[in-house]
């Protein structure tokens, strides 16, 4: 066909996308092989030079549990049956949230230079952080079940709710990771400031202590702590062997959907500007 009869090439205009939120999801599906490769790279890089390798995923929370159990149950005299199970279950979920949100920011900052060279969906960095965090969490769960059995706690039927709790906290974590990733691109101090927030947040929720040791006049403040709901729905089937309260499940689900929607909307609206800043 003569060149003058050929149609002009299609011009891509990022500002002309009508369903920008769905476009990013479709692009992530298209680039799923890259996503799996990045998750695999993170895991190999983390454990490649380690003597114990992937066993550290279980050893690290166990060591933290031992230290915190000794500190809070013996030094601070907190009396709670099966305290080690209580601490470890909360610690695993908190580590998943804190490590994934931090990783979402660092993945975009360090991997963002690829945006200058090739096209890849910007959301791949946050989803890679989530995928890596989920693998680490799943590898840590056997240690939790071993501690349960060692303390005489036999898993009951409500334990099947744990995957639902992990799904909800994953949605919430991804939403937070997307929001923080967007902020850190434009404001580099976000990463350091978030470390201070995480440290304060860690002690302001019942991970190492039961809620009943807090004076009743202050307990209402925990209603404004979103992570407390995810801790409850994750820990209750494991520690108490009961189904989590329906009200807490409903609030956790609403928080997960709301934060993920907000984070995805903010991230996709600003994603086309990232190449100019990272």
C-alpha atoms as a PDB file:
ATOM      1  CA  UNK A   1       0.000   0.000   0.000  1.00  0.00           C
ATOM      2  CA  UNK A   2       1.439   3.428  -0.945  1.00  0.00           C
ATOM      3  CA  UNK A   3       2.588   5.457   2.024  1.00  0.00           C
ATOM      4  CA  UNK A   4       0.065   8.213   1.278  1.00  0.00           C
ATOM      5  CA  UNK A   5      -2.803   5.737   1.655  1.00  0.00           C
ATOM      6  CA  UNK A   6      -1.654   4.426   5.008  1.00  0.00           C
ATOM      7  CA  UNK A   7      -3.584   5.558   8.045  1.00  0.00           C
ATOM      8  CA  UNK A   8      -1.798   7.766  10.519  1.00  0.00           C
ATOM      9  CA  UNK A   9      -0.512   6.025  13.668  1.00  0.00           C
ATOM     10  CA  UNK A  10      -2.650   6.111  16.775  1.00  0.00           C
ATOM     11  CA  UNK A  11      -1.588   8.823  19.182  1.00  0.00           C
ATOM     12  CA  UNK A  12      -1.575   7.951  22.874  1.00  0.00           C
ATOM     13  CA  UNK A  13      -2.894  10.699  25.116  1.00  0.00           C
ATOM     14  CA  UNK A  14      -2.751   9.874  28.827  1.00  0.00           C
ATOM     15  CA  UNK A  15      -5.170  12.693  29.643  1.00  0.00           C
ATOM     16  CA  UNK A  16      -7.794  11.224  27.324  1.00  0.00           C
ATOM     17  CA  UNK A  17      -8.297   7.967  29.191  1.00  0.00           C
ATOM     18  CA  UNK A  18     -11.900   7.678  30.305  1.00  0.00           C
ATOM     19  CA  UNK A  19     -11.624   4.741  32.709  1.00  0.00           C
ATOM     20  CA  UNK A  20      -8.186   5.378  34.128  1.00  0.00           C
ATOM     21  CA  UNK A  21      -8.738   3.173  37.204  1.00  0.00           C
ATOM     22  CA  UNK A  22      -9.731   0.165  35.095  1.00  0.00           C
ATOM     23  CA  UNK A  23      -6.976   0.840  32.566  1.00  0.00           C
ATOM     24  CA  UNK A  24      -4.337   0.390  35.251  1.00  0.00           C
ATOM     25  CA  UNK A  25      -5.891  -2.906  36.355  1.00  0.00           C
ATOM     26  CA  UNK A  26      -5.907  -4.194  32.778  1.00  0.00           C
ATOM     27  CA  UNK A  27      -2.281  -3.184  32.350  1.00  0.00           C
ATOM     28  CA  UNK A  28      -1.303  -5.038  35.520  1.00  0.00           C
ATOM     29  CA  UNK A  29      -3.004  -8.153  34.183  1.00  0.00           C
ATOM     30  CA  UNK A  30      -1.109  -7.770  30.894  1.00  0.00           C
ATOM     31  CA  UNK A  31       2.184  -7.390  32.745  1.00  0.00           C
ATOM     32  CA  UNK A  32       1.532 -10.180  35.256  1.00  0.00           C
ATOM     33  CA  UNK A  33       4.697 -12.024  34.172  1.00  0.00           C
ATOM     34  CA  UNK A  34       6.755  -8.970  35.101  1.00  0.00           C
ATOM     35  CA  UNK A  35       4.926  -8.793  38.415  1.00  0.00           C
ATOM     36  CA  UNK A  36       5.778 -12.399  39.249  1.00  0.00           C
ATOM     37  CA  UNK A  37       9.393 -11.823  38.221  1.00  0.00           C
ATOM     38  CA  UNK A  38       9.705  -8.802  40.510  1.00  0.00           C
ATOM     39  CA  UNK A  39       8.230 -10.687  43.466  1.00  0.00           C
ATOM     40  CA  UNK A  40      10.600 -13.591  42.798  1.00  0.00           C
ATOM     41  CA  UNK A  41      13.526 -11.156  42.566  1.00  0.00           C
ATOM     42  CA  UNK A  42      12.637  -9.584  45.926  1.00  0.00           C
ATOM     43  CA  UNK A  43      12.493 -12.960  47.650  1.00  0.00           C
ATOM     44  CA  UNK A  44      15.735 -14.209  46.094  1.00  0.00           C
ATOM     45  CA  UNK A  45      17.552 -10.968  46.883  1.00  0.00           C
ATOM     46  CA  UNK A  46      16.429 -11.021  50.485  1.00  0.00           C
ATOM     47  CA  UNK A  47      17.445 -14.617  51.242  1.00  0.00           C
ATOM     48  CA  UNK A  48      20.229 -15.304  48.712  1.00  0.00           C
ATOM     49  CA  UNK A  49      23.182 -14.611  51.043  1.00  0.00           C
ATOM     50  CA  UNK A  50      21.461 -15.725  54.236  1.00  0.00           C
ATOM     51  CA  UNK A  51      22.719 -18.871  55.990  1.00  0.00           C
ATOM     52  CA  UNK A  52      19.224 -19.880  57.076  1.00  0.00           C
ATOM     53  CA  UNK A  53      17.626 -18.565  53.897  1.00  0.00           C
ATOM     54  CA  UNK A  54      13.875 -18.433  53.901  1.00  0.00           C
ATOM     55  CA  UNK A  55      13.780 -19.922  57.429  1.00  0.00           C
ATOM     56  CA  UNK A  56      14.462 -16.374  58.682  1.00  0.00           C
ATOM     57  CA  UNK A  57      10.868 -15.575  57.752  1.00  0.00           C
ATOM     58  CA  UNK A  58       9.809 -17.782  60.662  1.00  0.00           C
ATOM     59  CA  UNK A  59      12.792 -17.222  62.960  1.00  0.00           C
ATOM     60  CA  UNK A  60      12.584 -13.401  63.009  1.00  0.00           C
ATOM     61  CA  UNK A  61       8.989 -13.116  64.339  1.00  0.00           C
ATOM     62  CA  UNK A  62       9.686 -15.929  66.799  1.00  0.00           C
ATOM     63  CA  UNK A  63      12.680 -14.061  68.226  1.00  0.00           C
ATOM     64  CA  UNK A  64      10.677 -10.846  68.429  1.00  0.00           C
ATOM     65  CA  UNK A  65       7.865 -12.735  70.154  1.00  0.00           C
ATOM     66  CA  UNK A  66      10.255 -14.130  72.768  1.00  0.00           C
ATOM     67  CA  UNK A  67      11.686 -10.699  73.555  1.00  0.00           C
ATOM     68  CA  UNK A  68       8.283  -9.004  73.746  1.00  0.00           C
ATOM     69  CA  UNK A  69       6.761 -11.852  75.761  1.00  0.00           C
ATOM     70  CA  UNK A  70       9.552 -11.634  78.337  1.00  0.00           C
ATOM     71  CA  UNK A  71       9.279  -7.854  78.482  1.00  0.00           C
ATOM     72  CA  UNK A  72       5.526  -7.565  78.815  1.00  0.00           C
ATOM     73  CA  UNK A  73       4.571 -10.720  80.689  1.00  0.00           C
ATOM     74  CA  UNK A  74       7.469 -10.783  83.172  1.00  0.00           C
ATOM     75  CA  UNK A  75       8.774  -7.234  83.478  1.00  0.00           C
ATOM     76  CA  UNK A  76       5.479  -5.366  83.099  1.00  0.00           C
ATOM     77  CA  UNK A  77       3.466  -8.184  84.674  1.00  0.00           C
ATOM     78  CA  UNK A  78       0.738  -8.471  82.053  1.00  0.00           C
ATOM     79  CA  UNK A  79      -1.159 -11.652  82.888  1.00  0.00           C
ATOM     80  CA  UNK A  80      -2.832 -13.150  79.834  1.00  0.00           C
ATOM     81  CA  UNK A  81      -3.244 -16.831  78.987  1.00  0.00           C
ATOM     82  CA  UNK A  82      -1.115 -17.989  76.036  1.00  0.00           C
ATOM     83  CA  UNK A  83       0.510 -14.592  75.858  1.00  0.00           C
ATOM     84  CA  UNK A  84       3.031 -15.708  73.229  1.00  0.00           C
ATOM     85  CA  UNK A  85       0.238 -16.621  70.784  1.00  0.00           C
ATOM     86  CA  UNK A  86      -1.455 -13.293  71.452  1.00  0.00           C
ATOM     87  CA  UNK A  87       1.741 -11.342  70.762  1.00  0.00           C
ATOM     88  CA  UNK A  88       2.862 -13.343  67.721  1.00  0.00           C
ATOM     89  CA  UNK A  89      -0.512 -13.165  65.960  1.00  0.00           C
ATOM     90  CA  UNK A  90      -0.584  -9.383  66.304  1.00  0.00           C
ATOM     91  CA  UNK A  91       3.088  -9.030  65.430  1.00  0.00           C
ATOM     92  CA  UNK A  92       2.781 -11.003  62.180  1.00  0.00           C
ATOM     93  CA  UNK A  93      -0.086  -8.862  60.946  1.00  0.00           C
ATOM     94  CA  UNK A  94       1.627  -5.617  61.932  1.00  0.00           C
ATOM     95  CA  UNK A  95       4.892  -6.644  60.256  1.00  0.00           C
ATOM     96  CA  UNK A  96       2.981  -7.424  57.085  1.00  0.00           C
ATOM     97  CA  UNK A  97       1.377  -3.978  57.075  1.00  0.00           C
ATOM     98  CA  UNK A  98       4.477  -1.977  58.005  1.00  0.00           C
ATOM     99  CA  UNK A  99       6.899  -3.832  55.728  1.00  0.00           C
ATOM    100  CA  UNK A 100       4.549  -3.768  52.742  1.00  0.00           C
ATOM    101  CA  UNK A 101       3.765  -0.064  52.965  1.00  0.00           C
ATOM    102  CA  UNK A 102       7.468   0.761  53.364  1.00  0.00           C
ATOM    103  CA  UNK A 103       8.342  -1.505  50.463  1.00  0.00           C
ATOM    104  CA  UNK A 104       5.681   0.097  48.247  1.00  0.00           C
ATOM    105  CA  UNK A 105       7.431   3.462  48.652  1.00  0.00           C
ATOM    106  CA  UNK A 106      10.967   2.161  48.209  1.00  0.00           C
ATOM    107  CA  UNK A 107      10.007   0.011  45.199  1.00  0.00           C
ATOM    108  CA  UNK A 108       8.679   3.047  43.358  1.00  0.00           C
ATOM    109  CA  UNK A 109      11.619   5.282  44.323  1.00  0.00           C
ATOM    110  CA  UNK A 110      14.321   2.773  43.361  1.00  0.00           C
ATOM    111  CA  UNK A 111      12.531   1.203  40.426  1.00  0.00           C
ATOM    112  CA  UNK A 112      11.030   4.405  39.111  1.00  0.00           C
ATOM    113  CA  UNK A 113      14.062   5.077  36.908  1.00  0.00           C
ATOM    114  CA  UNK A 114      12.667   2.371  34.599  1.00  0.00           C
ATOM    115  CA  UNK A 115       9.852   4.776  33.769  1.00  0.00           C
ATOM    116  CA  UNK A 116      12.373   6.883  31.834  1.00  0.00           C
ATOM    117  CA  UNK A 117      13.346   3.947  29.620  1.00  0.00           C
ATOM    118  CA  UNK A 118      10.406   1.621  29.016  1.00  0.00           C
ATOM    119  CA  UNK A 119       6.684   1.535  29.566  1.00  0.00           C
ATOM    120  CA  UNK A 120       5.466  -0.430  32.568  1.00  0.00           C
ATOM    121  CA  UNK A 121       2.325   0.050  34.652  1.00  0.00           C
ATOM    122  CA  UNK A 122       3.165   2.298  37.582  1.00  0.00           C
ATOM    123  CA  UNK A 123       1.029   0.220  39.908  1.00  0.00           C
ATOM    124  CA  UNK A 124       3.329  -2.768  39.449  1.00  0.00           C
ATOM    125  CA  UNK A 125       5.635  -1.458  42.198  1.00  0.00           C
ATOM    126  CA  UNK A 126       2.963  -1.320  44.916  1.00  0.00           C
ATOM    127  CA  UNK A 127       1.454  -4.653  43.870  1.00  0.00           C
ATOM    128  CA  UNK A 128       4.936  -6.212  43.890  1.00  0.00           C
ATOM    129  CA  UNK A 129       5.400  -5.005  47.464  1.00  0.00           C
ATOM    130  CA  UNK A 130       2.032  -6.502  48.397  1.00  0.00           C
ATOM    131  CA  UNK A 131       2.819  -9.823  46.730  1.00  0.00           C
ATOM    132  CA  UNK A 132       6.183 -10.059  48.483  1.00  0.00           C
ATOM    133  CA  UNK A 133       4.573  -9.220  51.808  1.00  0.00           C
ATOM    134  CA  UNK A 134       1.888 -11.874  51.341  1.00  0.00           C
ATOM    135  CA  UNK A 135       4.482 -14.549  50.588  1.00  0.00           C
ATOM    136  CA  UNK A 136       6.432 -13.626  53.712  1.00  0.00           C
ATOM    137  CA  UNK A 137       3.248 -13.624  55.811  1.00  0.00           C
ATOM    138  CA  UNK A 138       2.196 -17.045  54.548  1.00  0.00           C
ATOM    139  CA  UNK A 139       5.675 -18.410  55.261  1.00  0.00           C
ATOM    140  CA  UNK A 140       5.455 -17.051  58.806  1.00  0.00           C
ATOM    141  CA  UNK A 141       2.082 -18.620  59.613  1.00  0.00           C
ATOM    142  CA  UNK A 142       3.500 -22.130  60.253  1.00  0.00           C
ATOM    143  CA  UNK A 143       5.559 -20.671  63.109  1.00  0.00           C
ATOM    144  CA  UNK A 144       2.357 -19.243  64.583  1.00  0.00           C
ATOM    145  CA  UNK A 145       0.563 -22.585  64.365  1.00  0.00           C
ATOM    146  CA  UNK A 146       3.535 -24.330  65.983  1.00  0.00           C
ATOM    147  CA  UNK A 147       3.381 -21.884  68.904  1.00  0.00           C
ATOM    148  CA  UNK A 148      -0.382 -22.461  69.137  1.00  0.00           C
ATOM    149  CA  UNK A 149       0.087 -26.222  69.429  1.00  0.00           C
ATOM    150  CA  UNK A 150       2.936 -25.779  71.916  1.00  0.00           C
ATOM    151  CA  UNK A 151       0.574 -23.717  74.094  1.00  0.00           C
ATOM    152  CA  UNK A 152      -2.184 -26.303  73.859  1.00  0.00           C
ATOM    153  CA  UNK A 153      -4.382 -24.319  71.493  1.00  0.00           C
ATOM    154  CA  UNK A 154      -6.033 -26.535  68.903  1.00  0.00           C
ATOM    155  CA  UNK A 155      -7.269 -24.767  65.772  1.00  0.00           C
ATOM    156  CA  UNK A 156     -11.069 -24.652  65.620  1.00  0.00           C
ATOM    157  CA  UNK A 157     -13.537 -24.143  62.780  1.00  0.00           C
ATOM    158  CA  UNK A 158     -13.297 -20.295  62.836  1.00  0.00           C
ATOM    159  CA  UNK A 159      -9.660 -20.638  61.713  1.00  0.00           C
ATOM    160  CA  UNK A 160     -11.008 -20.806  58.152  1.00  0.00           C
ATOM    161  CA  UNK A 161     -11.817 -17.078  58.468  1.00  0.00           C
ATOM    162  CA  UNK A 162      -8.110 -16.189  58.601  1.00  0.00           C
ATOM    163  CA  UNK A 163      -7.737 -16.031  54.773  1.00  0.00           C
ATOM    164  CA  UNK A 164     -10.661 -13.581  54.674  1.00  0.00           C
ATOM    165  CA  UNK A 165      -8.976 -11.430  57.302  1.00  0.00           C
ATOM    166  CA  UNK A 166      -5.726 -11.530  55.303  1.00  0.00           C
ATOM    167  CA  UNK A 167      -7.615 -10.513  52.146  1.00  0.00           C
ATOM    168  CA  UNK A 168      -9.192  -7.515  53.874  1.00  0.00           C
ATOM    169  CA  UNK A 169      -5.963  -6.322  55.483  1.00  0.00           C
ATOM    170  CA  UNK A 170      -4.222  -6.781  52.110  1.00  0.00           C
ATOM    171  CA  UNK A 171      -6.745  -4.471  50.456  1.00  0.00           C
ATOM    172  CA  UNK A 172      -6.260  -1.883  53.202  1.00  0.00           C
ATOM    173  CA  UNK A 173      -2.473  -2.209  53.024  1.00  0.00           C
ATOM    174  CA  UNK A 174      -2.413  -1.841  49.239  1.00  0.00           C
ATOM    175  CA  UNK A 175      -4.567   1.283  49.485  1.00  0.00           C
ATOM    176  CA  UNK A 176      -2.203   2.785  52.066  1.00  0.00           C
ATOM    177  CA  UNK A 177       0.798   1.761  49.966  1.00  0.00           C
ATOM    178  CA  UNK A 178      -0.617   3.480  46.889  1.00  0.00           C
ATOM    179  CA  UNK A 179      -1.324   6.680  48.817  1.00  0.00           C
ATOM    180  CA  UNK A 180       2.130   6.716  50.396  1.00  0.00           C
ATOM    181  CA  UNK A 181       3.808   5.909  47.071  1.00  0.00           C
ATOM    182  CA  UNK A 182       2.100   8.890  45.486  1.00  0.00           C
ATOM    183  CA  UNK A 183       3.149  11.174  48.339  1.00  0.00           C
ATOM    184  CA  UNK A 184       6.765  10.011  48.414  1.00  0.00           C
ATOM    185  CA  UNK A 185       7.214  10.807  44.707  1.00  0.00           C
ATOM    186  CA  UNK A 186       6.360  14.462  45.292  1.00  0.00           C
ATOM    187  CA  UNK A 187       7.539  14.790  48.898  1.00  0.00           C
ATOM    188  CA  UNK A 188      10.709  12.782  49.594  1.00  0.00           C
ATOM    189  CA  UNK A 189      10.406  13.298  53.372  1.00  0.00           C
ATOM    190  CA  UNK A 190       7.290  11.127  53.408  1.00  0.00           C
ATOM    191  CA  UNK A 191       9.348   7.970  53.924  1.00  0.00           C
ATOM    192  CA  UNK A 192      11.157   9.240  57.035  1.00  0.00           C
ATOM    193  CA  UNK A 193       8.011  10.794  58.479  1.00  0.00           C
ATOM    194  CA  UNK A 194       6.109   7.547  58.022  1.00  0.00           C
ATOM    195  CA  UNK A 195       8.723   5.700  60.118  1.00  0.00           C
ATOM    196  CA  UNK A 196       7.843   7.962  63.041  1.00  0.00           C
ATOM    197  CA  UNK A 197       4.144   7.372  62.452  1.00  0.00           C
ATOM    198  CA  UNK A 198       4.693   3.595  62.371  1.00  0.00           C
ATOM    199  CA  UNK A 199       6.658   3.618  65.630  1.00  0.00           C
ATOM    200  CA  UNK A 200       3.951   5.588  67.419  1.00  0.00           C
ATOM    201  CA  UNK A 201       1.160   3.572  65.801  1.00  0.00           C
ATOM    202  CA  UNK A 202       2.743   0.291  66.918  1.00  0.00           C
ATOM    203  CA  UNK A 203       2.381   1.176  70.600  1.00  0.00           C
ATOM    204  CA  UNK A 204      -1.073   2.700  70.191  1.00  0.00           C
ATOM    205  CA  UNK A 205      -2.803  -0.565  69.407  1.00  0.00           C
ATOM    206  CA  UNK A 206      -3.253  -3.837  71.315  1.00  0.00           C
ATOM    207  CA  UNK A 207      -0.470  -5.895  69.790  1.00  0.00           C
ATOM    208  CA  UNK A 208       1.517  -6.575  72.960  1.00  0.00           C
ATOM    209  CA  UNK A 209      -1.152  -5.799  75.525  1.00  0.00           C
ATOM    210  CA  UNK A 210      -4.871  -6.603  75.890  1.00  0.00           C
ATOM    211  CA  UNK A 211      -7.358  -3.799  75.461  1.00  0.00           C
ATOM    212  CA  UNK A 212      -8.688  -4.216  78.997  1.00  0.00           C
ATOM    213  CA  UNK A 213      -5.506  -2.816  80.591  1.00  0.00           C
ATOM    214  CA  UNK A 214      -6.344   0.562  79.039  1.00  0.00           C
ATOM    215  CA  UNK A 215      -8.508   2.741  81.331  1.00  0.00           C
ATOM    216  CA  UNK A 216     -12.109   2.523  80.177  1.00  0.00           C
ATOM    217  CA  UNK A 217     -12.299   6.285  79.726  1.00  0.00           C
ATOM    218  CA  UNK A 218      -9.665   6.034  76.935  1.00  0.00           C
ATOM    219  CA  UNK A 219     -10.795   2.876  75.160  1.00  0.00           C
ATOM    220  CA  UNK A 220     -13.082   4.770  72.819  1.00  0.00           C
ATOM    221  CA  UNK A 221      -9.953   6.119  71.113  1.00  0.00           C
ATOM    222  CA  UNK A 222      -9.278   2.656  69.686  1.00  0.00           C
ATOM    223  CA  UNK A 223     -12.431   3.001  67.600  1.00  0.00           C
ATOM    224  CA  UNK A 224     -10.491   5.499  65.473  1.00  0.00           C
ATOM    225  CA  UNK A 225      -7.562   3.130  64.957  1.00  0.00           C
ATOM    226  CA  UNK A 226      -8.247   1.256  61.696  1.00  0.00           C
ATOM    227  CA  UNK A 227      -5.626  -1.433  62.320  1.00  0.00           C
ATOM    228  CA  UNK A 228      -7.353  -2.463  65.558  1.00  0.00           C
ATOM    229  CA  UNK A 229     -10.270  -3.882  63.543  1.00  0.00           C
ATOM    230  CA  UNK A 230      -7.967  -5.910  61.311  1.00  0.00           C
ATOM    231  CA  UNK A 231      -6.099  -7.174  64.362  1.00  0.00           C
ATOM    232  CA  UNK A 232      -9.381  -8.285  65.924  1.00  0.00           C
ATOM    233  CA  UNK A 233     -10.703 -10.195  62.917  1.00  0.00           C
ATOM    234  CA  UNK A 234      -7.306 -11.846  62.361  1.00  0.00           C
ATOM    235  CA  UNK A 235      -6.521 -12.683  65.987  1.00  0.00           C
ATOM    236  CA  UNK A 236      -9.945 -13.790  67.250  1.00  0.00           C
ATOM    237  CA  UNK A 237     -10.146 -17.047  65.210  1.00  0.00           C
ATOM    238  CA  UNK A 238      -6.541 -17.872  66.109  1.00  0.00           C
ATOM    239  CA  UNK A 239      -6.288 -16.901  69.760  1.00  0.00           C
ATOM    240  CA  UNK A 240      -9.879 -17.247  70.982  1.00  0.00           C
ATOM    241  CA  UNK A 241     -11.017 -19.909  68.517  1.00  0.00           C
ATOM    242  CA  UNK A 242     -14.150 -17.853  67.849  1.00  0.00           C
ATOM    243  CA  UNK A 243     -15.699 -16.157  64.838  1.00  0.00           C
ATOM    244  CA  UNK A 244     -14.784 -12.467  64.811  1.00  0.00           C
ATOM    245  CA  UNK A 245     -17.561 -10.016  65.753  1.00  0.00           C
ATOM    246  CA  UNK A 246     -19.744  -9.202  62.754  1.00  0.00           C
ATOM    247  CA  UNK A 247     -19.528  -5.484  63.496  1.00  0.00           C
ATOM    248  CA  UNK A 248     -15.719  -5.542  63.385  1.00  0.00           C
ATOM    249  CA  UNK A 249     -15.781  -7.540  60.145  1.00  0.00           C
ATOM    250  CA  UNK A 250     -18.165  -5.023  58.570  1.00  0.00           C
ATOM    251  CA  UNK A 251     -16.024  -2.055  59.653  1.00  0.00           C
ATOM    252  CA  UNK A 252     -12.825  -3.753  58.463  1.00  0.00           C
ATOM    253  CA  UNK A 253     -14.431  -4.521  55.082  1.00  0.00           C
ATOM    254  CA  UNK A 254     -15.656  -0.939  54.712  1.00  0.00           C
ATOM    255  CA  UNK A 255     -12.197   0.408  55.595  1.00  0.00           C
ATOM    256  CA  UNK A 256     -10.495  -1.985  53.165  1.00  0.00           C
ATOM    257  CA  UNK A 257     -12.732  -1.074  50.234  1.00  0.00           C
ATOM    258  CA  UNK A 258     -12.697   2.661  50.994  1.00  0.00           C
ATOM    259  CA  UNK A 259      -8.935   3.002  51.453  1.00  0.00           C
ATOM    260  CA  UNK A 260      -8.146   0.816  48.435  1.00  0.00           C
ATOM    261  CA  UNK A 261     -10.538   2.803  46.238  1.00  0.00           C
ATOM    262  CA  UNK A 262      -9.135   6.118  47.458  1.00  0.00           C
ATOM    263  CA  UNK A 263      -5.540   4.977  47.099  1.00  0.00           C
ATOM    264  CA  UNK A 264      -6.093   3.572  43.627  1.00  0.00           C
ATOM    265  CA  UNK A 265      -7.893   6.722  42.489  1.00  0.00           C
ATOM    266  CA  UNK A 266      -5.198   9.105  43.794  1.00  0.00           C
ATOM    267  CA  UNK A 267      -2.389   6.925  42.450  1.00  0.00           C
ATOM    268  CA  UNK A 268      -3.795   6.560  38.939  1.00  0.00           C
ATOM    269  CA  UNK A 269      -4.620  10.263  38.709  1.00  0.00           C
ATOM    270  CA  UNK A 270      -1.001  11.192  39.439  1.00  0.00           C
ATOM    271  CA  UNK A 271       0.814   8.221  37.880  1.00  0.00           C
ATOM    272  CA  UNK A 272       1.538   9.917  34.557  1.00  0.00           C
ATOM    273  CA  UNK A 273       3.573  12.584  36.385  1.00  0.00           C
ATOM    274  CA  UNK A 274       5.869  10.148  38.192  1.00  0.00           C
ATOM    275  CA  UNK A 275       8.478   9.989  35.417  1.00  0.00           C
ATOM    276  CA  UNK A 276       9.189  13.685  35.933  1.00  0.00           C
ATOM    277  CA  UNK A 277       9.996  13.311  39.640  1.00  0.00           C
ATOM    278  CA  UNK A 278      11.575   9.894  40.261  1.00  0.00           C
END
